[in-house]
Amino acid sequence: MDLYFGGQPIGYDFLREVRTHPRTSGIPIVAMSGKAIIAVERCLDLGADAVLAKPFQSLEAIAAIERAVENRRAATVLRGTVILHIEDSDDWADLVTRWLREVGATTRRALDGAGLSALAGSADALPDVILLDLGLGGTDGMGVLDAIKQSPALQSVPVVVDRGERRRPGQSAAVNTRAHRALREG
């Protein structure tokens, strides 16, 4: 969608309306404009999936549309999912939480694995997925992963491991046998 109609920036209002209406809120939107200044953050905050500045190449448009469609599919899959994010970096946790909330997931955060026993004791509080920073400062992420896999209540909860850059020799094989999936920060 073009942000400017008849020289006026009414596309922003239109974008807000599309995103707030129940029948249109899930439609992928790629915002675009030929104006020199595009409020990219404003577009994204209003719910655009991607923003393009004219002129752009056809492959750029196709890639943006594909990303928008994939993001909306992810939103459908993750909507209502409860994710426990075990992460010691406030900045990274805030960013991941923002990404996950954008696709409809609910996040809870723990700084380390200390609360796992309390979590395991309450079936109502169990997350659908655990996202674990393996490089937790001050504690051992592998120890947290082992505790999850040894807990009868938590062992069936999928664990996605965020390996970051702080890996020890032989750690990859150990992670692959215990985690559902391993990611790499950065």
Protein backbone atom coordinates (compact mmCIF):
# COMPACT_ATOMS: atom_id res chain seq x y z
CA MET A 1 0.00 0.00 0.00
CA ASP A 2 1.18 3.50 -0.75
CA LEU A 3 1.37 5.82 2.26
CA TYR A 4 0.50 8.92 0.23
CA PHE A 5 -2.76 9.34 -1.67
CA GLY A 6 -3.27 12.57 -3.60
CA GLY A 7 -0.16 14.01 -1.96
CA GLN A 8 -1.57 13.47 1.53
CA PRO A 9 -0.15 10.99 4.08
CA ILE A 10 -3.51 9.27 4.67
CA GLY A 11 -1.96 5.82 4.34
CA TYR A 12 -0.98 5.93 8.01
CA ASP A 13 -4.63 6.29 9.06
CA PHE A 14 -5.63 3.55 6.63
CA LEU A 15 -2.93 1.26 8.02
CA ARG A 16 -4.20 1.86 11.58
CA GLU A 17 -7.76 1.06 10.49
CA VAL A 18 -6.76 -2.14 8.68
CA ARG A 19 -4.83 -3.38 11.71
CA THR A 20 -7.60 -2.62 14.22
CA HIS A 21 -10.48 -4.16 12.26
CA PRO A 22 -11.01 -7.85 13.13
CA ARG A 23 -11.66 -8.91 9.52
CA THR A 24 -8.53 -7.26 8.11
CA SER A 25 -6.05 -7.33 11.00
CA GLY A 26 -4.26 -10.42 9.70
CA ILE A 27 -3.68 -9.22 6.14
CA PRO A 28 0.04 -8.83 5.31
CA ILE A 29 0.89 -5.18 4.55
CA VAL A 30 3.94 -3.78 2.80
CA ALA A 31 3.94 0.01 3.12
CA MET A 32 5.72 2.06 0.44
CA SER A 33 6.28 5.65 -0.53
CA GLY A 34 8.15 7.77 -3.01
CA LYS A 35 8.55 10.55 -0.47
CA ALA A 36 12.07 11.27 0.70
CA ILE A 37 11.18 10.79 4.35
CA ILE A 38 9.31 7.70 5.38
CA ALA A 39 8.47 7.20 9.02
CA VAL A 40 9.61 3.57 9.05
CA GLU A 41 9.22 3.12 12.82
CA ARG A 42 5.74 4.67 12.68
CA CYS A 43 4.73 2.26 9.91
CA LEU A 44 6.05 -0.72 11.84
CA ASP A 45 4.40 0.48 15.07
CA LEU A 46 1.11 0.78 13.20
CA GLY A 47 1.46 -2.81 12.03
CA ALA A 48 3.13 -2.77 8.61
CA ASP A 49 5.06 -5.97 7.99
CA ALA A 50 7.65 -4.22 5.80
CA VAL A 51 8.40 -0.75 4.45
CA LEU A 52 9.84 0.08 1.00
CA ALA A 53 11.03 3.40 -0.41
CA LYS A 54 10.34 4.06 -4.10
CA PRO A 55 11.99 3.41 -6.43
CA PHE A 56 12.71 -0.18 -5.56
CA GLN A 57 13.63 -3.25 -7.55
CA SER A 58 11.09 -5.98 -8.25
CA LEU A 59 13.12 -8.49 -6.24
CA GLU A 60 13.04 -6.16 -3.22
CA ALA A 61 9.25 -5.98 -3.43
CA ILE A 62 8.90 -9.73 -3.85
CA ALA A 63 11.19 -10.39 -0.87
CA ALA A 64 9.27 -7.89 1.28
CA ILE A 65 5.93 -9.47 0.33
CA GLU A 66 7.25 -12.97 1.05
CA ARG A 67 8.53 -11.83 4.48
CA ALA A 68 5.19 -10.18 5.23
CA VAL A 69 3.27 -13.35 4.39
CA GLU A 70 5.66 -15.52 6.41
CA ASN A 71 5.42 -13.15 9.39
CA ARG A 72 1.62 -13.36 9.30
CA ARG A 73 1.81 -17.16 9.12
CA ALA A 74 4.13 -17.16 12.14
CA ALA A 75 1.68 -14.90 13.95
CA THR A 76 -1.08 -17.41 13.36
CA VAL A 77 1.06 -20.29 14.61
CA LEU A 78 2.38 -18.48 17.69
CA ARG A 79 -0.76 -16.59 18.69
CA GLY A 80 -1.58 -17.56 22.27
CA THR A 81 1.66 -19.48 22.81
CA VAL A 82 3.28 -18.97 26.23
CA ILE A 83 7.08 -18.80 26.02
CA LEU A 84 9.38 -18.84 29.04
CA HIS A 85 12.51 -16.91 28.10
CA ILE A 86 15.46 -17.69 30.37
CA GLU A 87 17.82 -14.82 29.56
CA ASP A 88 20.20 -12.64 31.58
CA SER A 89 20.60 -9.77 29.07
CA ASP A 90 17.88 -7.14 29.52
CA ASP A 91 18.41 -5.67 26.04
CA TRP A 92 18.21 -9.03 24.27
CA ALA A 93 15.22 -10.14 26.35
CA ASP A 94 13.36 -6.90 25.57
CA LEU A 95 14.02 -7.29 21.84
CA VAL A 96 12.95 -10.95 21.73
CA THR A 97 9.87 -10.15 23.82
CA ARG A 98 8.91 -7.43 21.34
CA TRP A 99 9.31 -9.82 18.40
CA LEU A 100 7.26 -12.51 20.07
CA ARG A 101 4.49 -10.14 21.19
CA GLU A 102 4.21 -8.85 17.62
CA VAL A 103 3.20 -12.35 16.53
CA GLY A 104 0.78 -12.86 19.41
CA ALA A 105 2.88 -14.89 21.83
CA THR A 106 2.96 -14.26 25.56
CA THR A 107 6.39 -14.19 27.15
CA ARG A 108 7.54 -14.69 30.71
CA ARG A 109 11.13 -14.11 31.67
CA ALA A 110 13.52 -15.67 34.13
CA LEU A 111 17.07 -14.44 34.69
CA ASP A 112 18.29 -17.97 35.38
CA GLY A 113 16.91 -21.45 36.08
CA ALA A 114 16.33 -20.85 39.80
CA GLY A 115 12.53 -20.85 39.54
CA LEU A 116 12.18 -24.07 37.57
CA SER A 117 11.12 -26.21 40.53
CA ALA A 118 8.29 -23.81 41.39
CA LEU A 119 7.28 -23.72 37.73
CA ALA A 120 7.27 -27.52 37.50
CA GLY A 121 4.97 -27.72 40.53
CA SER A 122 2.19 -25.75 38.85
CA ALA A 123 0.62 -27.30 35.75
CA ASP A 124 -1.24 -24.01 35.07
CA ALA A 125 2.07 -22.12 34.85
CA LEU A 126 3.83 -24.44 32.42
CA PRO A 127 4.95 -22.70 29.24
CA ASP A 128 4.35 -24.09 25.77
CA VAL A 129 8.02 -23.50 24.87
CA ILE A 130 11.18 -22.59 26.77
CA LEU A 131 13.71 -20.28 25.08
CA LEU A 132 17.01 -20.74 26.96
CA ASP A 133 20.14 -18.61 26.73
CA LEU A 134 22.87 -21.20 27.02
CA GLY A 135 25.47 -18.54 27.87
CA LEU A 136 23.80 -17.29 31.04
CA GLY A 137 26.20 -15.20 33.09
CA GLY A 138 26.71 -16.45 36.63
CA THR A 139 25.01 -19.78 36.01
CA ASP A 140 25.44 -22.68 33.64
CA GLY A 141 22.89 -22.85 30.83
CA MET A 142 23.70 -26.53 30.30
CA GLY A 143 22.82 -27.13 33.97
CA VAL A 144 19.48 -25.38 33.43
CA LEU A 145 18.88 -27.49 30.31
CA ASP A 146 19.67 -30.66 32.26
CA ALA A 147 17.30 -29.61 35.06
CA ILE A 148 14.51 -29.06 32.52
CA LYS A 149 15.07 -32.45 30.92
CA GLN A 150 15.21 -34.22 34.33
CA SER A 151 11.97 -32.66 35.57
CA PRO A 152 8.95 -34.91 34.95
CA ALA A 153 6.73 -31.85 34.54
CA LEU A 154 9.05 -29.93 32.21
CA GLN A 155 10.76 -32.64 30.15
CA SER A 156 7.98 -32.64 27.56
CA VAL A 157 8.16 -28.84 27.08
CA PRO A 158 10.17 -28.08 23.92
CA VAL A 159 13.37 -26.15 24.61
CA VAL A 160 14.88 -23.82 22.02
CA VAL A 161 18.47 -23.04 22.93
CA ASP A 162 20.00 -19.68 22.11
CA ARG A 163 23.70 -20.58 21.96
CA GLY A 164 25.06 -17.07 21.52
CA GLU A 165 28.80 -16.84 21.04
CA ARG A 166 29.89 -18.32 24.37
CA ARG A 167 30.23 -22.03 23.59
CA ARG A 168 32.57 -24.52 25.15
CA PRO A 169 34.22 -27.38 23.20
CA GLY A 170 31.86 -30.33 22.83
CA GLN A 171 28.85 -28.26 23.84
CA SER A 172 27.11 -28.44 20.45
CA ALA A 173 26.71 -32.23 20.57
CA ALA A 174 25.39 -32.05 24.14
CA VAL A 175 22.87 -29.35 23.21
CA ASN A 176 21.68 -31.25 20.15
CA THR A 177 20.82 -34.30 22.28
CA ARG A 178 18.87 -32.30 24.90
CA ALA A 179 17.26 -29.34 23.11
CA HIS A 180 14.47 -29.25 20.57
CA ARG A 181 16.32 -26.65 18.49
CA ALA A 182 19.47 -24.54 18.73
CA LEU A 183 19.74 -20.95 17.53
CA ARG A 184 22.68 -18.59 17.33
CA GLU A 185 22.56 -14.99 18.56
CA GLY A 186 23.78 -12.16 16.40
